[in-house]
Each structure stands twice: as C-alpha cells, then as structure tokens.
Amino acid sequence: MQLQVGQRLKILVNGEAAETGAATLAELLAELGYEASQVATARNGDFVPKAARGDTQLAADDAIEIVAPRQGG
C-alpha cells in the first residue's frame, strides 16, 4: 500500500494507540527512533526479521510490537 502525502495510519505500537505516516515497518522504526537499535519486531503477532522490515507493509489497525534487550543484573 502506498500512502498518500499527509495520510496517516492508525495502529497499535506496544499496545498503545499511535498514528504514523510510515508505509513499512522499517520506516516506522526510523520514525520512532529505533533505526540504529537492536530490537525484535512483530506485526500482528508474527515475528518480523530485520531483513524483512523494509518489505513489511503496514496497514490500518496493525498491532506492532517492538522489544529492546535490557541490560542489568
């Protein structure tokens, strides 16, 4: 799906309602500041490997999970 200029999708990110102008999961991660981070991602409960994020199209009402490893002891 190609978003029109100014078009925004309503999605969930980690259970929170969000709007985005991103068309792909990779674009969403960049928009949220995760582009350089080591994170795991899922779209609608399905794991999305890093190599597939640029090809993973977003759609209205998608549920995106972004999980970052935590350090500590």
C-alpha atoms as a PDB file:
ATOM      1  CA  MET A   1       0.000   0.000   0.000  1.00  0.00           C
ATOM      2  CA  GLN A   2       1.348   3.403  -0.919  1.00  0.00           C
ATOM      3  CA  LEU A   3       0.424   6.176   1.495  1.00  0.00           C
ATOM      4  CA  GLN A   4      -0.670   9.468   0.029  1.00  0.00           C
ATOM      5  CA  VAL A   5       1.125  12.624   1.155  1.00  0.00           C
ATOM      6  CA  GLY A   6      -0.199  13.549   4.581  1.00  0.00           C
ATOM      7  CA  GLN A   7      -2.051  10.251   5.029  1.00  0.00           C
ATOM      8  CA  ARG A   8      -1.630   8.622   8.428  1.00  0.00           C
ATOM      9  CA  LEU A   9      -2.407   5.103   9.615  1.00  0.00           C
ATOM     10  CA  LYS A  10      -3.918   4.314  12.995  1.00  0.00           C
ATOM     11  CA  ILE A  11      -2.003   1.400  14.508  1.00  0.00           C
ATOM     12  CA  LEU A  12      -1.005  -0.011  17.895  1.00  0.00           C
ATOM     13  CA  VAL A  13       2.635   0.113  18.991  1.00  0.00           C
ATOM     14  CA  ASN A  14       3.389  -1.978  22.077  1.00  0.00           C
ATOM     15  CA  GLY A  15      -0.301  -1.842  22.985  1.00  0.00           C
ATOM     16  CA  GLU A  16      -0.602   1.943  22.678  1.00  0.00           C
ATOM     17  CA  ALA A  17      -2.674   3.694  20.007  1.00  0.00           C
ATOM     18  CA  ALA A  18      -0.469   5.557  17.526  1.00  0.00           C
ATOM     19  CA  GLU A  19      -0.630   7.251  14.141  1.00  0.00           C
ATOM     20  CA  THR A  20       2.104   7.007  11.555  1.00  0.00           C
ATOM     21  CA  GLY A  21       2.934   8.175   8.084  1.00  0.00           C
ATOM     22  CA  ALA A  22       5.248   5.168   7.642  1.00  0.00           C
ATOM     23  CA  ALA A  23       4.380   2.671   4.922  1.00  0.00           C
ATOM     24  CA  THR A  24       6.736  -0.096   6.119  1.00  0.00           C
ATOM     25  CA  LEU A  25       7.924  -1.469   9.427  1.00  0.00           C
ATOM     26  CA  ALA A  26      11.434  -0.163   8.710  1.00  0.00           C
ATOM     27  CA  GLU A  27      10.056   3.349   8.156  1.00  0.00           C
ATOM     28  CA  LEU A  28       8.075   3.109  11.395  1.00  0.00           C
ATOM     29  CA  LEU A  29      11.189   2.117  13.347  1.00  0.00           C
ATOM     30  CA  ALA A  30      13.064   5.089  11.879  1.00  0.00           C
ATOM     31  CA  GLU A  31      10.150   7.401  12.705  1.00  0.00           C
ATOM     32  CA  LEU A  32      10.194   6.173  16.319  1.00  0.00           C
ATOM     33  CA  GLY A  33      13.976   6.473  16.655  1.00  0.00           C
ATOM     34  CA  TYR A  34      14.745   2.739  16.642  1.00  0.00           C
ATOM     35  CA  GLU A  35      16.547   2.585  13.271  1.00  0.00           C
ATOM     36  CA  ALA A  36      20.008   2.019  14.799  1.00  0.00           C
ATOM     37  CA  SER A  37      18.785  -0.061  17.747  1.00  0.00           C
ATOM     38  CA  GLN A  38      18.944  -3.799  18.191  1.00  0.00           C
ATOM     39  CA  VAL A  39      15.267  -4.677  18.550  1.00  0.00           C
ATOM     40  CA  ALA A  40      12.942  -7.572  17.861  1.00  0.00           C
ATOM     41  CA  THR A  41       9.755  -6.806  15.961  1.00  0.00           C
ATOM     42  CA  ALA A  42       6.396  -8.421  15.347  1.00  0.00           C
ATOM     43  CA  ARG A  43       3.406  -7.434  13.232  1.00  0.00           C
ATOM     44  CA  ASN A  44       0.035  -8.796  14.334  1.00  0.00           C
ATOM     45  CA  GLY A  45       1.758 -11.439  16.459  1.00  0.00           C
ATOM     46  CA  ASP A  46       4.108 -12.667  13.725  1.00  0.00           C
ATOM     47  CA  PHE A  47       7.862 -12.198  14.191  1.00  0.00           C
ATOM     48  CA  VAL A  48       9.418  -9.967  11.501  1.00  0.00           C
ATOM     49  CA  PRO A  49      13.169 -10.489  10.989  1.00  0.00           C
ATOM     50  CA  LYS A  50      15.353  -7.433  10.475  1.00  0.00           C
ATOM     51  CA  ALA A  51      15.946  -8.293   6.808  1.00  0.00           C
ATOM     52  CA  ALA A  52      12.181  -8.284   6.096  1.00  0.00           C
ATOM     53  CA  ARG A  53      11.252  -4.991   7.788  1.00  0.00           C
ATOM     54  CA  GLY A  54      11.699  -2.896   4.629  1.00  0.00           C
ATOM     55  CA  ASP A  55       9.281  -5.180   2.761  1.00  0.00           C
ATOM     56  CA  THR A  56       6.729  -5.435   5.584  1.00  0.00           C
ATOM     57  CA  GLN A  57       3.874  -3.108   4.638  1.00  0.00           C
ATOM     58  CA  LEU A  58       1.832  -1.503   7.394  1.00  0.00           C
ATOM     59  CA  ALA A  59      -1.958  -1.356   7.326  1.00  0.00           C
ATOM     60  CA  ALA A  60      -4.579   0.352   9.462  1.00  0.00           C
ATOM     61  CA  ASP A  61      -5.168  -1.391  12.792  1.00  0.00           C
ATOM     62  CA  ASP A  62      -1.886  -3.338  12.695  1.00  0.00           C
ATOM     63  CA  ALA A  63      -0.512  -4.293  16.107  1.00  0.00           C
ATOM     64  CA  ILE A  64       3.252  -3.730  16.168  1.00  0.00           C
ATOM     65  CA  GLU A  65       5.484  -4.963  18.968  1.00  0.00           C
ATOM     66  CA  ILE A  66       8.987  -3.590  19.402  1.00  0.00           C
ATOM     67  CA  VAL A  67      11.154  -5.240  22.043  1.00  0.00           C
ATOM     68  CA  ALA A  68      14.606  -3.996  23.006  1.00  0.00           C
ATOM     69  CA  PRO A  69      17.002  -6.046  25.135  1.00  0.00           C
ATOM     70  CA  ARG A  70      17.670  -4.695  28.614  1.00  0.00           C
ATOM     71  CA  GLN A  71      20.954  -4.775  30.427  1.00  0.00           C
ATOM     72  CA  GLY A  72      21.363  -5.123  34.109  1.00  0.00           C
ATOM     73  CA  GLY A  73      21.725  -7.636  36.779  1.00  0.00           C
END
